[in-house]
Amino acid sequence: MNCMPIAVAALLLLVLSRAQSTLTVTTVNNLQPIKKGLTMQATVWPSYESNWAGRISCNNCNPFEGDTPCNRTLPLLCISSPKSIVRPYYNIATQFTPFQFLDGGYYDGWSGAFIQATLPVQGSAITSYKVGDALCKGYFGNNSNFATFDSGYYMPFMNQPPIKAWSLWNWALVSRGQWNFWGYFDHHYRGRAWVWVNGQPYGNCGN
């Protein structure tokens, strides 16, 4: 009985098996995690009840690891003339919270600004805050800034009597809040938009 063909076939199977194994390992090693950036979205639109202020919200965002792949194309949120307008009255979601910041105002700060949106930009093009900020200034002028996760400001227990709005709003007494912020809308965009987060190295498309 001639065993040569069987031996050759076995050798070929062994070679193919090793080649496939090497290809699989190389493919797995070449896979890179998908980079994500932070986005936020308008959830309360200006109305008579909110004195024509609108709310930009986290709405399932992730400031720690990003929430939207950087190959997506979305507008940037821009804040024009921040801290230039006193807070009108708007009803915040909760007065007191069980979280680290008991004051609900922390989660519903006032930007004191007009909120605008650029045309869509691929997230990977926003390589730094400076790049995004330059885009906002190019669209809306030098008084416009790239919106950040902490673009809202609050006064201590600002919805407790006397309500800290209109003449009782004092910019000298504010602190930065996070997660949501209010302002006057100068856009009609209803989807998610790129926002920058400071102090979180994995939360943005850029560094």
C-alpha atoms as a PDB file:
ATOM      1  CA  MET A   1       0.000   0.000   0.000  1.00  0.00           C
ATOM      2  CA  ASN A   2       1.417   3.404  -1.001  1.00  0.00           C
ATOM      3  CA  CYS A   3       1.289   5.737   2.034  1.00  0.00           C
ATOM      4  CA  MET A   4       2.874   8.720   0.239  1.00  0.00           C
ATOM      5  CA  PRO A   5      -0.396  10.473  -0.809  1.00  0.00           C
ATOM      6  CA  ILE A   6      -1.767  10.116   2.730  1.00  0.00           C
ATOM      7  CA  ALA A   7       1.393  11.598   4.224  1.00  0.00           C
ATOM      8  CA  VAL A   8       1.349  14.531   1.788  1.00  0.00           C
ATOM      9  CA  ALA A   9      -2.308  15.214   2.531  1.00  0.00           C
ATOM     10  CA  ALA A  10      -1.634  15.156   6.270  1.00  0.00           C
ATOM     11  CA  LEU A  11       1.285  17.552   5.836  1.00  0.00           C
ATOM     12  CA  LEU A  12      -0.871  19.949   3.799  1.00  0.00           C
ATOM     13  CA  LEU A  13      -3.593  19.885   6.449  1.00  0.00           C
ATOM     14  CA  LEU A  14      -1.027  20.678   9.131  1.00  0.00           C
ATOM     15  CA  VAL A  15       0.385  23.606   7.141  1.00  0.00           C
ATOM     16  CA  LEU A  16      -3.082  24.999   6.421  1.00  0.00           C
ATOM     17  CA  SER A  17      -4.092  24.642  10.063  1.00  0.00           C
ATOM     18  CA  ARG A  18      -1.044  26.595  11.256  1.00  0.00           C
ATOM     19  CA  ALA A  19      -1.578  29.289   8.625  1.00  0.00           C
ATOM     20  CA  GLN A  20      -5.221  29.700   9.676  1.00  0.00           C
ATOM     21  CA  SER A  21      -4.195  29.903  13.339  1.00  0.00           C
ATOM     22  CA  THR A  22      -1.584  32.575  12.564  1.00  0.00           C
ATOM     23  CA  LEU A  23      -4.129  34.556  10.516  1.00  0.00           C
ATOM     24  CA  THR A  24      -6.686  34.404  13.335  1.00  0.00           C
ATOM     25  CA  VAL A  25      -4.176  35.578  15.950  1.00  0.00           C
ATOM     26  CA  THR A  26      -2.944  38.387  13.690  1.00  0.00           C
ATOM     27  CA  THR A  27      -6.517  39.521  12.973  1.00  0.00           C
ATOM     28  CA  VAL A  28      -7.441  39.539  16.672  1.00  0.00           C
ATOM     29  CA  ASN A  29      -4.259  41.400  17.591  1.00  0.00           C
ATOM     30  CA  ASN A  30      -4.955  44.043  14.939  1.00  0.00           C
ATOM     31  CA  LEU A  31      -8.452  44.807  16.233  1.00  0.00           C
ATOM     32  CA  GLN A  32      -8.582  48.175  17.975  1.00  0.00           C
ATOM     33  CA  PRO A  33     -11.298  49.330  20.384  1.00  0.00           C
ATOM     34  CA  ILE A  34     -13.744  51.758  18.822  1.00  0.00           C
ATOM     35  CA  LYS A  35     -12.953  55.284  19.994  1.00  0.00           C
ATOM     36  CA  LYS A  36     -15.987  57.200  21.243  1.00  0.00           C
ATOM     37  CA  GLY A  37     -16.720  60.813  22.091  1.00  0.00           C
ATOM     38  CA  LEU A  38     -19.201  62.620  24.331  1.00  0.00           C
ATOM     39  CA  THR A  39     -22.542  63.832  22.984  1.00  0.00           C
ATOM     40  CA  MET A  40     -25.559  65.563  24.505  1.00  0.00           C
ATOM     41  CA  GLN A  41     -29.056  66.372  23.267  1.00  0.00           C
ATOM     42  CA  ALA A  42     -31.828  68.927  23.681  1.00  0.00           C
ATOM     43  CA  THR A  43     -34.599  67.408  25.806  1.00  0.00           C
ATOM     44  CA  VAL A  44     -36.608  70.476  26.847  1.00  0.00           C
ATOM     45  CA  TRP A  45     -37.464  72.909  24.082  1.00  0.00           C
ATOM     46  CA  PRO A  46     -38.083  76.620  24.749  1.00  0.00           C
ATOM     47  CA  SER A  47     -41.638  77.394  25.764  1.00  0.00           C
ATOM     48  CA  TYR A  48     -43.686  79.956  27.626  1.00  0.00           C
ATOM     49  CA  GLU A  49     -43.537  77.778  30.777  1.00  0.00           C
ATOM     50  CA  SER A  50     -39.712  77.875  30.821  1.00  0.00           C
ATOM     51  CA  ASN A  51     -39.492  81.571  29.848  1.00  0.00           C
ATOM     52  CA  TRP A  52     -38.182  80.457  26.457  1.00  0.00           C
ATOM     53  CA  ALA A  53     -35.117  78.697  27.863  1.00  0.00           C
ATOM     54  CA  GLY A  54     -34.230  75.189  26.668  1.00  0.00           C
ATOM     55  CA  ARG A  55     -32.365  72.299  28.256  1.00  0.00           C
ATOM     56  CA  ILE A  56     -29.378  70.364  26.894  1.00  0.00           C
ATOM     57  CA  SER A  57     -29.170  66.980  28.599  1.00  0.00           C
ATOM     58  CA  CYS A  58     -26.831  64.059  29.001  1.00  0.00           C
ATOM     59  CA  ASN A  59     -29.701  61.715  28.100  1.00  0.00           C
ATOM     60  CA  ASN A  60     -27.729  58.438  28.395  1.00  0.00           C
ATOM     61  CA  CYS A  61     -24.377  60.035  27.589  1.00  0.00           C
ATOM     62  CA  ASN A  62     -21.078  58.675  28.922  1.00  0.00           C
ATOM     63  CA  PRO A  63     -18.542  61.341  29.958  1.00  0.00           C
ATOM     64  CA  PHE A  64     -16.077  58.694  31.131  1.00  0.00           C
ATOM     65  CA  GLU A  65     -15.696  56.538  28.012  1.00  0.00           C
ATOM     66  CA  GLY A  66     -17.650  58.449  25.362  1.00  0.00           C
ATOM     67  CA  ASP A  67     -20.983  57.281  23.999  1.00  0.00           C
ATOM     68  CA  THR A  68     -20.857  57.801  20.220  1.00  0.00           C
ATOM     69  CA  PRO A  69     -18.281  56.329  17.780  1.00  0.00           C
ATOM     70  CA  CYS A  70     -15.885  58.993  16.514  1.00  0.00           C
ATOM     71  CA  ASN A  71     -16.542  57.989  12.900  1.00  0.00           C
ATOM     72  CA  ARG A  72     -20.045  59.406  13.267  1.00  0.00           C
ATOM     73  CA  THR A  73     -20.808  62.820  11.760  1.00  0.00           C
ATOM     74  CA  LEU A  74     -22.704  65.158  14.100  1.00  0.00           C
ATOM     75  CA  PRO A  75     -22.935  68.913  14.786  1.00  0.00           C
ATOM     76  CA  LEU A  76     -20.906  70.551  17.564  1.00  0.00           C
ATOM     77  CA  LEU A  77     -22.779  72.370  20.315  1.00  0.00           C
ATOM     78  CA  CYS A  78     -21.516  75.923  20.796  1.00  0.00           C
ATOM     79  CA  ILE A  79     -22.083  78.370  23.644  1.00  0.00           C
ATOM     80  CA  SER A  80     -22.210  81.995  22.495  1.00  0.00           C
ATOM     81  CA  SER A  81     -21.689  84.865  24.983  1.00  0.00           C
ATOM     82  CA  PRO A  82     -21.513  82.620  28.085  1.00  0.00           C
ATOM     83  CA  LYS A  83     -22.409  84.110  31.477  1.00  0.00           C
ATOM     84  CA  SER A  84     -23.788  87.236  29.812  1.00  0.00           C
ATOM     85  CA  ILE A  85     -27.504  86.800  30.605  1.00  0.00           C
ATOM     86  CA  VAL A  86     -29.110  86.420  34.031  1.00  0.00           C
ATOM     87  CA  ARG A  87     -31.078  83.271  34.659  1.00  0.00           C
ATOM     88  CA  PRO A  88     -34.801  83.292  33.892  1.00  0.00           C
ATOM     89  CA  TYR A  89     -37.018  81.062  35.959  1.00  0.00           C
ATOM     90  CA  TYR A  90     -37.335  77.474  34.767  1.00  0.00           C
ATOM     91  CA  ASN A  91     -38.416  74.487  36.781  1.00  0.00           C
ATOM     92  CA  ILE A  92     -35.597  72.056  37.504  1.00  0.00           C
ATOM     93  CA  ALA A  93     -36.242  68.324  37.671  1.00  0.00           C
ATOM     94  CA  THR A  94     -35.606  67.961  41.392  1.00  0.00           C
ATOM     95  CA  GLN A  95     -34.741  70.257  44.288  1.00  0.00           C
ATOM     96  CA  PHE A  96     -32.848  67.747  46.392  1.00  0.00           C
ATOM     97  CA  THR A  97     -31.072  64.586  45.273  1.00  0.00           C
ATOM     98  CA  PRO A  98     -29.599  61.513  47.017  1.00  0.00           C
ATOM     99  CA  PHE A  99     -26.377  61.927  45.048  1.00  0.00           C
ATOM    100  CA  GLN A 100     -23.017  63.507  45.890  1.00  0.00           C
ATOM    101  CA  PHE A 101     -24.422  66.968  45.156  1.00  0.00           C
ATOM    102  CA  LEU A 102     -27.653  67.252  47.111  1.00  0.00           C
ATOM    103  CA  ASP A 103     -28.597  70.522  45.423  1.00  0.00           C
ATOM    104  CA  GLY A 104     -30.621  69.736  42.302  1.00  0.00           C
ATOM    105  CA  GLY A 105     -29.365  72.959  40.711  1.00  0.00           C
ATOM    106  CA  TYR A 106     -26.027  71.207  40.114  1.00  0.00           C
ATOM    107  CA  TYR A 107     -27.766  69.062  37.498  1.00  0.00           C
ATOM    108  CA  ASP A 108     -29.732  71.905  35.871  1.00  0.00           C
ATOM    109  CA  GLY A 109     -27.299  74.814  35.622  1.00  0.00           C
ATOM    110  CA  TRP A 110     -27.749  78.000  33.626  1.00  0.00           C
ATOM    111  CA  SER A 111     -25.237  78.763  30.839  1.00  0.00           C
ATOM    112  CA  GLY A 112     -26.153  82.440  30.544  1.00  0.00           C
ATOM    113  CA  ALA A 113     -25.701  82.007  26.805  1.00  0.00           C
ATOM    114  CA  PHE A 114     -27.179  81.283  23.403  1.00  0.00           C
ATOM    115  CA  ILE A 115     -26.814  77.636  22.399  1.00  0.00           C
ATOM    116  CA  GLN A 116     -26.038  76.984  18.743  1.00  0.00           C
ATOM    117  CA  ALA A 117     -25.096  74.041  16.520  1.00  0.00           C
ATOM    118  CA  THR A 118     -22.638  73.784  13.634  1.00  0.00           C
ATOM    119  CA  LEU A 119     -23.028  71.716  10.511  1.00  0.00           C
ATOM    120  CA  PRO A 120     -22.149  68.018  11.032  1.00  0.00           C
ATOM    121  CA  VAL A 121     -18.494  67.181  11.687  1.00  0.00           C
ATOM    122  CA  GLN A 122     -16.871  63.749  12.002  1.00  0.00           C
ATOM    123  CA  GLY A 123     -15.896  63.191  15.611  1.00  0.00           C
ATOM    124  CA  SER A 124     -12.379  62.041  14.739  1.00  0.00           C
ATOM    125  CA  ALA A 125     -11.706  65.511  13.288  1.00  0.00           C
ATOM    126  CA  ILE A 126     -12.134  67.055  16.764  1.00  0.00           C
ATOM    127  CA  THR A 127      -8.626  66.163  17.882  1.00  0.00           C
ATOM    128  CA  SER A 128      -8.627  68.609  20.815  1.00  0.00           C
ATOM    129  CA  TYR A 129     -10.823  71.132  22.588  1.00  0.00           C
ATOM    130  CA  LYS A 130      -8.923  73.867  20.769  1.00  0.00           C
ATOM    131  CA  VAL A 131      -9.968  72.415  17.395  1.00  0.00           C
ATOM    132  CA  GLY A 132     -13.647  72.268  18.388  1.00  0.00           C
ATOM    133  CA  ASP A 133     -13.501  75.733  19.903  1.00  0.00           C
ATOM    134  CA  ALA A 134     -12.024  77.128  16.679  1.00  0.00           C
ATOM    135  CA  LEU A 135     -14.895  75.570  14.726  1.00  0.00           C
ATOM    136  CA  CYS A 136     -17.456  77.275  16.975  1.00  0.00           C
ATOM    137  CA  LYS A 137     -15.667  80.607  16.629  1.00  0.00           C
ATOM    138  CA  GLY A 138     -15.517  80.158  12.858  1.00  0.00           C
ATOM    139  CA  TYR A 139     -19.279  79.616  12.695  1.00  0.00           C
ATOM    140  CA  PHE A 140     -20.547  82.062  15.299  1.00  0.00           C
ATOM    141  CA  GLY A 141     -17.783  84.540  16.124  1.00  0.00           C
ATOM    142  CA  ASN A 142     -15.126  85.048  18.782  1.00  0.00           C
ATOM    143  CA  ASN A 143     -17.663  85.109  21.637  1.00  0.00           C
ATOM    144  CA  SER A 144     -18.614  81.499  20.905  1.00  0.00           C
ATOM    145  CA  ASN A 145     -17.071  78.521  22.716  1.00  0.00           C
ATOM    146  CA  PHE A 146     -17.235  74.768  22.220  1.00  0.00           C
ATOM    147  CA  ALA A 147     -19.810  73.534  24.764  1.00  0.00           C
ATOM    148  CA  THR A 148     -18.520  71.419  27.636  1.00  0.00           C
ATOM    149  CA  PHE A 149     -20.080  68.919  30.005  1.00  0.00           C
ATOM    150  CA  ASP A 150     -19.960  71.601  32.696  1.00  0.00           C
ATOM    151  CA  SER A 151     -21.273  74.586  30.718  1.00  0.00           C
ATOM    152  CA  GLY A 152     -24.032  75.185  33.287  1.00  0.00           C
ATOM    153  CA  TYR A 153     -23.764  77.273  36.483  1.00  0.00           C
ATOM    154  CA  TYR A 154     -25.911  77.183  39.585  1.00  0.00           C
ATOM    155  CA  MET A 155     -26.468  79.149  42.760  1.00  0.00           C
ATOM    156  CA  PRO A 156     -27.022  77.221  46.000  1.00  0.00           C
ATOM    157  CA  PHE A 157     -30.583  75.845  46.073  1.00  0.00           C
ATOM    158  CA  MET A 158     -31.561  78.273  43.372  1.00  0.00           C
ATOM    159  CA  ASN A 159     -35.165  77.104  43.096  1.00  0.00           C
ATOM    160  CA  GLN A 160     -35.848  77.500  46.818  1.00  0.00           C
ATOM    161  CA  PRO A 161     -37.577  80.723  47.926  1.00  0.00           C
ATOM    162  CA  PRO A 162     -36.554  83.294  47.114  1.00  0.00           C
ATOM    163  CA  ILE A 163     -35.971  81.830  43.662  1.00  0.00           C
ATOM    164  CA  LYS A 164     -32.583  82.834  42.283  1.00  0.00           C
ATOM    165  CA  ALA A 165     -33.683  84.212  38.910  1.00  0.00           C
ATOM    166  CA  TRP A 166     -33.886  87.544  37.167  1.00  0.00           C
ATOM    167  CA  SER A 167     -32.716  90.288  39.604  1.00  0.00           C
ATOM    168  CA  LEU A 168     -31.771  87.739  42.282  1.00  0.00           C
ATOM    169  CA  TRP A 169     -29.321  85.908  40.046  1.00  0.00           C
ATOM    170  CA  ASN A 170     -25.727  86.705  41.012  1.00  0.00           C
ATOM    171  CA  TRP A 171     -22.878  85.483  38.795  1.00  0.00           C
ATOM    172  CA  ALA A 172     -20.423  86.126  41.630  1.00  0.00           C
ATOM    173  CA  LEU A 173     -22.022  83.308  43.649  1.00  0.00           C
ATOM    174  CA  VAL A 174     -22.255  80.570  41.043  1.00  0.00           C
ATOM    175  CA  SER A 175     -20.488  77.226  40.771  1.00  0.00           C
ATOM    176  CA  ARG A 176     -20.202  74.929  37.778  1.00  0.00           C
ATOM    177  CA  GLY A 177     -22.713  72.119  37.440  1.00  0.00           C
ATOM    178  CA  GLN A 178     -22.672  69.062  35.190  1.00  0.00           C
ATOM    179  CA  TRP A 179     -24.856  66.588  33.269  1.00  0.00           C
ATOM    180  CA  ASN A 180     -27.436  69.124  31.979  1.00  0.00           C
ATOM    181  CA  PHE A 181     -27.526  72.851  31.284  1.00  0.00           C
ATOM    182  CA  TRP A 182     -30.015  75.477  30.114  1.00  0.00           C
ATOM    183  CA  GLY A 183     -29.755  78.414  27.750  1.00  0.00           C
ATOM    184  CA  TYR A 184     -31.543  80.276  24.964  1.00  0.00           C
ATOM    185  CA  PHE A 185     -31.659  78.150  21.813  1.00  0.00           C
ATOM    186  CA  ASP A 186     -30.496  79.576  18.523  1.00  0.00           C
ATOM    187  CA  HIS A 187     -30.886  76.308  16.614  1.00  0.00           C
ATOM    188  CA  HIS A 188     -33.554  73.785  15.618  1.00  0.00           C
ATOM    189  CA  TYR A 189     -31.434  70.633  15.762  1.00  0.00           C
ATOM    190  CA  ARG A 190     -33.042  67.783  17.699  1.00  0.00           C
ATOM    191  CA  GLY A 191     -30.403  65.033  17.577  1.00  0.00           C
ATOM    192  CA  ARG A 192     -27.234  64.383  19.549  1.00  0.00           C
ATOM    193  CA  ALA A 193     -24.258  66.717  19.157  1.00  0.00           C
ATOM    194  CA  TRP A 194     -20.593  66.685  20.136  1.00  0.00           C
ATOM    195  CA  VAL A 195     -19.696  68.215  23.510  1.00  0.00           C
ATOM    196  CA  TRP A 196     -16.307  68.241  25.264  1.00  0.00           C
ATOM    197  CA  VAL A 197     -15.608  66.907  28.767  1.00  0.00           C
ATOM    198  CA  ASN A 198     -12.611  68.099  30.784  1.00  0.00           C
ATOM    199  CA  GLY A 199     -10.567  65.808  33.001  1.00  0.00           C
ATOM    200  CA  GLN A 200     -11.693  62.558  31.345  1.00  0.00           C
ATOM    201  CA  PRO A 201      -8.969  61.221  28.997  1.00  0.00           C
ATOM    202  CA  TYR A 202     -11.277  58.598  27.447  1.00  0.00           C
ATOM    203  CA  GLY A 203     -14.420  60.716  27.178  1.00  0.00           C
ATOM    204  CA  ASN A 204     -13.574  62.602  23.968  1.00  0.00           C
ATOM    205  CA  CYS A 205     -12.644  61.743  20.417  1.00  0.00           C
ATOM    206  CA  GLY A 206      -9.486  63.848  20.813  1.00  0.00           C
ATOM    207  CA  ASN A 207      -7.035  64.550  23.606  1.00  0.00           C
END
